[in-house]
Amino acid sequence: MFAQNLRYLRKKNHMNQTELAHYLGRKSVASVSEWEAGKYTPKLPILEKIAALFKV
């Protein structure tokens, strides 16, 4: 469910994976791709940044 919501919110806000990765301080877009694929869930500090960015 997180993976689907992250992709939805990112697209709704007209962001690509690279832009989101940059905002979150990630050096690689691979993390965002893996989160959206459901392979991994980000740790709490990243989740807090995502929540703040998308106001959820």
N, C-alpha and C. Protein backbone atom coordinates (compact mmCIF):
# COMPACT_ATOMS: atom_id res chain seq x y z
N MET A 1 0.82 -1.19 0.00
CA MET A 1 0.00 0.00 0.00
C MET A 1 0.87 1.27 0.00
N PHE A 2 1.95 1.25 0.79
CA PHE A 2 2.84 2.42 0.80
C PHE A 2 3.38 2.70 -0.59
N ALA A 3 3.81 1.65 -1.28
CA ALA A 3 4.40 1.81 -2.61
C ALA A 3 3.43 2.51 -3.56
N GLN A 4 2.19 2.07 -3.56
CA GLN A 4 1.18 2.65 -4.45
C GLN A 4 0.90 4.10 -4.07
N ASN A 5 0.81 4.37 -2.77
CA ASN A 5 0.54 5.74 -2.32
C ASN A 5 1.69 6.68 -2.65
N LEU A 6 2.91 6.21 -2.49
CA LEU A 6 4.06 7.05 -2.81
C LEU A 6 4.06 7.42 -4.29
N ARG A 7 3.85 6.45 -5.14
CA ARG A 7 3.82 6.72 -6.58
C ARG A 7 2.69 7.70 -6.92
N TYR A 8 1.51 7.47 -6.34
CA TYR A 8 0.37 8.34 -6.59
C TYR A 8 0.68 9.78 -6.18
N LEU A 9 1.19 9.96 -4.96
CA LEU A 9 1.48 11.31 -4.47
C LEU A 9 2.57 11.98 -5.29
N ARG A 10 3.58 11.23 -5.67
CA ARG A 10 4.67 11.79 -6.48
C ARG A 10 4.14 12.29 -7.81
N LYS A 11 3.35 11.46 -8.47
CA LYS A 11 2.81 11.85 -9.78
C LYS A 11 1.81 12.99 -9.66
N LYS A 12 0.98 12.95 -8.62
CA LYS A 12 -0.01 14.00 -8.40
C LYS A 12 0.67 15.36 -8.24
N ASN A 13 1.87 15.35 -7.67
CA ASN A 13 2.63 16.58 -7.45
C ASN A 13 3.63 16.86 -8.57
N HIS A 14 3.47 16.17 -9.68
CA HIS A 14 4.28 16.40 -10.88
C HIS A 14 5.78 16.29 -10.61
N MET A 15 6.15 15.25 -9.88
CA MET A 15 7.56 15.00 -9.58
C MET A 15 7.98 13.71 -10.25
N ASN A 16 9.22 13.65 -10.69
CA ASN A 16 9.75 12.37 -11.15
C ASN A 16 10.57 11.76 -10.01
N GLN A 17 11.01 10.54 -10.21
CA GLN A 17 11.74 9.84 -9.15
C GLN A 17 13.04 10.55 -8.80
N THR A 18 13.69 11.12 -9.78
CA THR A 18 14.94 11.83 -9.54
C THR A 18 14.72 13.05 -8.65
N GLU A 19 13.67 13.80 -8.92
CA GLU A 19 13.36 14.98 -8.11
C GLU A 19 13.04 14.59 -6.67
N LEU A 20 12.27 13.52 -6.50
CA LEU A 20 11.94 13.07 -5.15
C LEU A 20 13.19 12.60 -4.42
N ALA A 21 14.02 11.84 -5.09
CA ALA A 21 15.26 11.36 -4.48
C ALA A 21 16.12 12.54 -4.04
N HIS A 22 16.23 13.56 -4.89
CA HIS A 22 17.03 14.74 -4.55
C HIS A 22 16.45 15.45 -3.33
N TYR A 23 15.14 15.63 -3.30
CA TYR A 23 14.49 16.30 -2.16
C TYR A 23 14.77 15.55 -0.86
N LEU A 24 14.78 14.22 -0.94
CA LEU A 24 14.97 13.39 0.25
C LEU A 24 16.44 13.21 0.61
N GLY A 25 17.32 13.78 -0.18
CA GLY A 25 18.75 13.69 0.10
C GLY A 25 19.37 12.37 -0.30
N ARG A 26 18.72 11.66 -1.21
CA ARG A 26 19.25 10.38 -1.69
C ARG A 26 20.15 10.65 -2.88
N LYS A 27 21.25 9.94 -2.96
CA LYS A 27 22.19 10.11 -4.07
C LYS A 27 21.72 9.37 -5.32
N SER A 28 20.89 8.37 -5.12
CA SER A 28 20.46 7.53 -6.24
C SER A 28 18.94 7.45 -6.29
N VAL A 29 18.43 7.43 -7.50
CA VAL A 29 16.99 7.26 -7.70
C VAL A 29 16.56 5.82 -7.42
N ALA A 30 17.52 4.92 -7.32
CA ALA A 30 17.20 3.50 -7.10
C ALA A 30 16.38 3.29 -5.84
N SER A 31 16.65 4.05 -4.80
CA SER A 31 15.89 3.91 -3.55
C SER A 31 14.41 4.18 -3.80
N VAL A 32 14.12 5.27 -4.47
CA VAL A 32 12.72 5.63 -4.75
C VAL A 32 12.08 4.56 -5.61
N SER A 33 12.78 4.09 -6.60
CA SER A 33 12.27 3.04 -7.48
C SER A 33 11.94 1.77 -6.68
N GLU A 34 12.82 1.40 -5.77
CA GLU A 34 12.60 0.20 -4.96
C GLU A 34 11.45 0.39 -3.99
N TRP A 35 11.29 1.59 -3.43
CA TRP A 35 10.15 1.85 -2.55
C TRP A 35 8.85 1.73 -3.32
N GLU A 36 8.82 2.31 -4.53
CA GLU A 36 7.60 2.27 -5.34
C GLU A 36 7.30 0.87 -5.86
N ALA A 37 8.31 0.04 -5.98
CA ALA A 37 8.12 -1.35 -6.41
C ALA A 37 7.72 -2.25 -5.24
N GLY A 38 7.78 -1.71 -4.03
CA GLY A 38 7.42 -2.49 -2.85
C GLY A 38 8.53 -3.39 -2.34
N LYS A 39 9.74 -3.19 -2.83
CA LYS A 39 10.86 -4.02 -2.39
C LYS A 39 11.31 -3.65 -0.99
N TYR A 40 11.28 -2.37 -0.68
CA TYR A 40 11.73 -1.87 0.62
C TYR A 40 10.80 -0.77 1.08
N THR A 41 10.82 -0.52 2.38
CA THR A 41 10.11 0.62 2.97
C THR A 41 11.15 1.54 3.58
N PRO A 42 11.06 2.83 3.33
CA PRO A 42 12.06 3.74 3.89
C PRO A 42 11.99 3.80 5.41
N LYS A 43 13.09 4.18 6.01
CA LYS A 43 13.15 4.32 7.46
C LYS A 43 12.41 5.58 7.90
N LEU A 44 12.13 5.65 9.19
CA LEU A 44 11.31 6.72 9.75
C LEU A 44 11.74 8.14 9.36
N PRO A 45 13.01 8.50 9.41
CA PRO A 45 13.37 9.88 9.03
C PRO A 45 12.98 10.22 7.58
N ILE A 46 13.09 9.26 6.69
CA ILE A 46 12.70 9.48 5.29
C ILE A 46 11.18 9.55 5.19
N LEU A 47 10.48 8.70 5.93
CA LEU A 47 9.01 8.74 5.94
C LEU A 47 8.52 10.10 6.42
N GLU A 48 9.19 10.66 7.41
CA GLU A 48 8.80 11.98 7.92
C GLU A 48 9.00 13.05 6.85
N LYS A 49 10.07 12.97 6.09
CA LYS A 49 10.31 13.93 5.00
C LYS A 49 9.25 13.79 3.92
N ILE A 50 8.89 12.55 3.60
CA ILE A 50 7.86 12.30 2.59
C ILE A 50 6.53 12.88 3.05
N ALA A 51 6.18 12.64 4.31
CA ALA A 51 4.92 13.15 4.87
C ALA A 51 4.89 14.68 4.83
N ALA A 52 6.00 15.30 5.18
CA ALA A 52 6.06 16.77 5.16
C ALA A 52 5.95 17.31 3.74
N LEU A 53 6.63 16.67 2.81
CA LEU A 53 6.60 17.13 1.42
C LEU A 53 5.19 17.08 0.85
N PHE A 54 4.50 15.97 1.08
CA PHE A 54 3.18 15.77 0.49
C PHE A 54 2.04 16.18 1.43
N LYS A 55 2.41 16.69 2.61
CA LYS A 55 1.42 17.17 3.58
C LYS A 55 0.40 16.10 3.94
N VAL A 56 0.93 14.94 4.30
CA VAL A 56 0.05 13.83 4.72
C VAL A 56 0.43 13.36 6.12
